[in-house]
C-alpha atoms as a PDB file:
ATOM      1  CA  MET A   1     -75.137  52.577-118.112  1.00  0.00           C
ATOM      2  CA  GLN A   2     -74.117  56.121-117.124  1.00  0.00           C
ATOM      3  CA  ARG A   3     -73.786  55.053-113.494  1.00  0.00           C
ATOM      4  CA  ILE A   4     -71.457  52.232-114.515  1.00  0.00           C
ATOM      5  CA  ILE A   5     -69.283  54.586-116.549  1.00  0.00           C
ATOM      6  CA  LYS A   6     -69.245  57.107-113.687  1.00  0.00           C
ATOM      7  CA  TYR A   7     -68.250  54.371-111.229  1.00  0.00           C
ATOM      8  CA  ILE A   8     -65.453  53.111-113.510  1.00  0.00           C
ATOM      9  CA  LEU A   9     -64.114  56.669-113.919  1.00  0.00           C
ATOM     10  CA  GLU A  10     -64.230  57.225-110.145  1.00  0.00           C
ATOM     11  CA  LEU A  11     -62.190  54.058-109.665  1.00  0.00           C
ATOM     12  CA  TRP A  12     -59.789  55.081-112.445  1.00  0.00           C
ATOM     13  CA  PHE A  13     -59.075  58.482-110.907  1.00  0.00           C
ATOM     14  CA  ARG A  14     -58.269  56.917-107.544  1.00  0.00           C
ATOM     15  CA  PHE A  15     -55.063  55.616-109.155  1.00  0.00           C
ATOM     16  CA  PRO A  16     -52.046  57.902-108.656  1.00  0.00           C
ATOM     17  CA  GLU A  17     -51.263  60.171-111.606  1.00  0.00           C
ATOM     18  CA  LYS A  18     -47.954  58.441-112.383  1.00  0.00           C
ATOM     19  CA  LEU A  19     -49.685  55.072-112.583  1.00  0.00           C
ATOM     20  CA  ARG A  20     -52.407  56.516-114.840  1.00  0.00           C
ATOM     21  CA  PHE A  21     -49.666  58.026-117.020  1.00  0.00           C
ATOM     22  CA  LEU A  22     -47.931  54.664-117.313  1.00  0.00           C
ATOM     23  CA  LEU A  23     -51.165  52.823-118.104  1.00  0.00           C
ATOM     24  CA  VAL A  24     -52.419  55.383-120.632  1.00  0.00           C
ATOM     25  CA  GLY A  25     -48.902  55.803-121.973  1.00  0.00           C
ATOM     26  CA  GLY A  26     -48.637  52.040-122.272  1.00  0.00           C
ATOM     27  CA  PHE A  27     -51.827  51.981-124.307  1.00  0.00           C
ATOM     28  CA  ASN A  28     -50.577  54.853-126.478  1.00  0.00           C
ATOM     29  CA  THR A  29     -47.196  53.176-126.873  1.00  0.00           C
ATOM     30  CA  VAL A  30     -48.782  49.938-128.021  1.00  0.00           C
ATOM     31  CA  VAL A  31     -50.904  51.866-130.542  1.00  0.00           C
ATOM     32  CA  SER A  32     -47.847  53.767-131.781  1.00  0.00           C
ATOM     33  CA  TYR A  33     -45.651  50.660-131.914  1.00  0.00           C
ATOM     34  CA  VAL A  34     -48.275  48.671-133.823  1.00  0.00           C
ATOM     35  CA  MET A  35     -48.520  51.559-136.296  1.00  0.00           C
ATOM     36  CA  PHE A  36     -44.695  51.634-136.557  1.00  0.00           C
ATOM     37  CA  ALA A  37     -44.453  47.863-137.091  1.00  0.00           C
ATOM     38  CA  GLY A  38     -47.284  47.923-139.618  1.00  0.00           C
ATOM     39  CA  LEU A  39     -45.600  50.694-141.560  1.00  0.00           C
ATOM     40  CA  ILE A  40     -42.292  48.774-141.474  1.00  0.00           C
ATOM     41  CA  LEU A  41     -44.093  45.772-142.948  1.00  0.00           C
ATOM     42  CA  LEU A  42     -45.747  47.984-145.544  1.00  0.00           C
ATOM     43  CA  LEU A  43     -42.754  50.157-146.490  1.00  0.00           C
ATOM     44  CA  GLY A  44     -39.847  47.825-145.650  1.00  0.00           C
ATOM     45  CA  GLU A  45     -37.208  47.855-142.906  1.00  0.00           C
ATOM     46  CA  ALA A  46     -34.992  50.288-144.807  1.00  0.00           C
ATOM     47  CA  LYS A  47     -37.709  52.933-144.347  1.00  0.00           C
ATOM     48  CA  TYR A  48     -37.660  52.778-140.543  1.00  0.00           C
ATOM     49  CA  GLN A  49     -37.188  56.544-140.091  1.00  0.00           C
ATOM     50  CA  GLN A  50     -40.131  57.311-142.419  1.00  0.00           C
ATOM     51  CA  SER A  51     -42.206  54.723-140.564  1.00  0.00           C
ATOM     52  CA  LEU A  52     -41.279  56.400-137.294  1.00  0.00           C
ATOM     53  CA  VAL A  53     -42.410  59.827-138.532  1.00  0.00           C
ATOM     54  CA  LEU A  54     -45.724  58.529-139.854  1.00  0.00           C
ATOM     55  CA  SER A  55     -46.519  56.504-136.744  1.00  0.00           C
ATOM     56  CA  TRP A  56     -45.585  59.488-134.562  1.00  0.00           C
ATOM     57  CA  VAL A  57     -47.894  61.863-136.440  1.00  0.00           C
ATOM     58  CA  LEU A  58     -50.821  59.438-136.496  1.00  0.00           C
ATOM     59  CA  SER A  59     -50.583  58.426-132.854  1.00  0.00           C
ATOM     60  CA  SER A  60     -50.191  61.997-131.545  1.00  0.00           C
ATOM     61  CA  PHE A  61     -53.917  62.693-131.775  1.00  0.00           C
ATOM     62  CA  ILE A  62     -54.818  59.626-129.732  1.00  0.00           C
ATOM     63  CA  SER A  63     -52.083  60.294-127.206  1.00  0.00           C
ATOM     64  CA  PHE A  64     -53.033  63.932-126.634  1.00  0.00           C
ATOM     65  CA  THR A  65     -56.677  63.123-126.033  1.00  0.00           C
ATOM     66  CA  THR A  66     -56.050  60.209-123.693  1.00  0.00           C
ATOM     67  CA  GLN A  67     -53.397  62.083-121.676  1.00  0.00           C
ATOM     68  CA  LYS A  68     -55.545  65.205-121.304  1.00  0.00           C
ATOM     69  CA  ILE A  69     -58.696  63.355-120.285  1.00  0.00           C
ATOM     70  CA  PHE A  70     -57.500  60.249-118.440  1.00  0.00           C
ATOM     71  CA  VAL A  71     -54.249  61.401-116.821  1.00  0.00           C
ATOM     72  CA  PHE A  72     -53.891  65.127-116.243  1.00  0.00           C
ATOM     73  CA  GLN A  73     -57.586  66.168-116.364  1.00  0.00           C
ATOM     74  CA  THR A  74     -56.780  69.725-117.348  1.00  0.00           C
ATOM     75  CA  LYS A  75     -59.404  72.310-118.139  1.00  0.00           C
ATOM     76  CA  GLY A  76     -57.068  74.337-120.353  1.00  0.00           C
ATOM     77  CA  ASN A  77     -57.458  75.329-123.965  1.00  0.00           C
ATOM     78  CA  TRP A  78     -57.264  72.237-126.186  1.00  0.00           C
ATOM     79  CA  CYS A  79     -55.368  73.985-128.991  1.00  0.00           C
ATOM     80  CA  LYS A  80     -52.817  75.606-126.669  1.00  0.00           C
ATOM     81  CA  GLU A  81     -52.224  72.341-124.828  1.00  0.00           C
ATOM     82  CA  TYR A  82     -51.974  70.418-128.085  1.00  0.00           C
ATOM     83  CA  ILE A  83     -49.271  72.813-129.308  1.00  0.00           C
ATOM     84  CA  LYS A  84     -47.375  72.294-126.051  1.00  0.00           C
ATOM     85  CA  CYS A  85     -47.783  68.544-126.480  1.00  0.00           C
ATOM     86  CA  VAL A  86     -46.424  68.757-130.006  1.00  0.00           C
ATOM     87  CA  LEU A  87     -43.367  70.571-128.648  1.00  0.00           C
ATOM     88  CA  THR A  88     -42.982  67.891-125.980  1.00  0.00           C
ATOM     89  CA  TRP A  89     -43.372  65.120-128.551  1.00  0.00           C
ATOM     90  CA  SER A  90     -40.884  66.862-130.829  1.00  0.00           C
ATOM     91  CA  ILE A  91     -38.282  66.607-128.106  1.00  0.00           C
ATOM     92  CA  GLY A  92     -39.304  63.004-127.491  1.00  0.00           C
ATOM     93  CA  TYR A  93     -39.235  62.293-131.213  1.00  0.00           C
ATOM     94  CA  ALA A  94     -35.743  63.756-131.604  1.00  0.00           C
ATOM     95  CA  ILE A  95     -34.460  61.618-128.741  1.00  0.00           C
ATOM     96  CA  ASN A  96     -36.293  58.587-130.174  1.00  0.00           C
ATOM     97  CA  ALA A  97     -34.830  59.127-133.654  1.00  0.00           C
ATOM     98  CA  ILE A  98     -31.284  59.584-132.350  1.00  0.00           C
ATOM     99  CA  VAL A  99     -31.434  56.549-130.072  1.00  0.00           C
ATOM    100  CA  LEU A 100     -32.990  54.447-132.846  1.00  0.00           C
ATOM    101  CA  GLU A 101     -30.311  55.519-135.324  1.00  0.00           C
ATOM    102  CA  VAL A 102     -27.477  54.754-132.889  1.00  0.00           C
ATOM    103  CA  VAL A 103     -28.930  51.393-131.901  1.00  0.00           C
ATOM    104  CA  VAL A 104     -29.661  50.281-135.484  1.00  0.00           C
ATOM    105  CA  SER A 105     -26.664  51.774-137.313  1.00  0.00           C
ATOM    106  CA  ALA A 106     -23.856  51.879-134.775  1.00  0.00           C
ATOM    107  CA  LEU A 107     -24.792  48.926-132.554  1.00  0.00           C
ATOM    108  CA  GLU A 108     -26.339  46.939-135.427  1.00  0.00           C
ATOM    109  CA  MET A 109     -29.368  45.884-133.388  1.00  0.00           C
ATOM    110  CA  ASN A 110     -32.693  44.836-134.836  1.00  0.00           C
ATOM    111  CA  VAL A 111     -34.955  47.809-135.630  1.00  0.00           C
ATOM    112  CA  TYR A 112     -37.811  46.442-133.489  1.00  0.00           C
ATOM    113  CA  ILE A 113     -35.584  46.019-130.430  1.00  0.00           C
ATOM    114  CA  GLY A 114     -34.054  49.440-131.052  1.00  0.00           C
ATOM    115  CA  GLN A 115     -37.454  51.084-131.023  1.00  0.00           C
ATOM    116  CA  ALA A 116     -38.481  49.238-127.859  1.00  0.00           C
ATOM    117  CA  LEU A 117     -35.335  50.471-126.059  1.00  0.00           C
ATOM    118  CA  SER A 118     -35.907  53.998-127.263  1.00  0.00           C
ATOM    119  CA  ILE A 119     -39.465  53.972-125.924  1.00  0.00           C
ATOM    120  CA  ILE A 120     -38.232  53.392-122.377  1.00  0.00           C
ATOM    121  CA  LEU A 121     -36.081  56.518-122.411  1.00  0.00           C
ATOM    122  CA  THR A 122     -38.650  58.740-124.097  1.00  0.00           C
ATOM    123  CA  THR A 123     -41.394  57.673-121.646  1.00  0.00           C
ATOM    124  CA  VAL A 124     -39.547  59.142-118.671  1.00  0.00           C
ATOM    125  CA  ILE A 125     -38.696  62.364-120.490  1.00  0.00           C
ATOM    126  CA  THR A 126     -42.203  62.927-121.851  1.00  0.00           C
ATOM    127  CA  TYR A 127     -43.839  62.391-118.437  1.00  0.00           C
ATOM    128  CA  ILE A 128     -41.710  65.139-116.938  1.00  0.00           C
ATOM    129  CA  LEU A 129     -42.399  67.494-119.840  1.00  0.00           C
ATOM    130  CA  PHE A 130     -46.142  66.735-119.911  1.00  0.00           C
ATOM    131  CA  LYS A 131     -46.560  67.281-116.181  1.00  0.00           C
ATOM    132  CA  HIS A 132     -44.492  70.447-115.892  1.00  0.00           C
ATOM    133  CA  PHE A 133     -45.048  72.034-119.312  1.00  0.00           C
ATOM    134  CA  ALA A 134     -47.804  70.741-121.590  1.00  0.00           C
ATOM    135  CA  PHE A 135     -50.495  69.993-118.988  1.00  0.00           C
ATOM    136  CA  LYS A 136     -49.337  72.446-116.346  1.00  0.00           C
ATOM    137  CA  GLY A 137     -52.622  74.397-116.405  1.00  0.00           C
ATOM    138  CA  GLU A 138     -55.703  74.284-114.211  1.00  0.00           C
ATOM    139  CA  ARG A 139     -56.850  70.828-113.139  1.00  0.00           C
END
């Protein structure tokens, strides 16, 4: 079993970093979006900003771990890198919240479509910040 896992990881790390980021980020995005949608169903559409905050907080732990291990493979201090990730996500969150507010309030789009559009923009920004700030350390 260990040989199979080792082989799968060897194959995984042959993928370019940007592709790994997109795949892991895609997984994390799906997890976050499902949490967001579930919270919308639970709390109601009018509570979309509260749902966004809760889904962001909950999914941050999964995202940090998967990015550190399966994308950037850093050997740095977990706490220090997590703090840098939180700063990166805070920037991403602020952009997400602003875009979502504009799309839902000003453009009167559906909240689910608004969040999907916002994700595209924040993905590009967070990759750049993760690579050059949060996970900049020893690899």
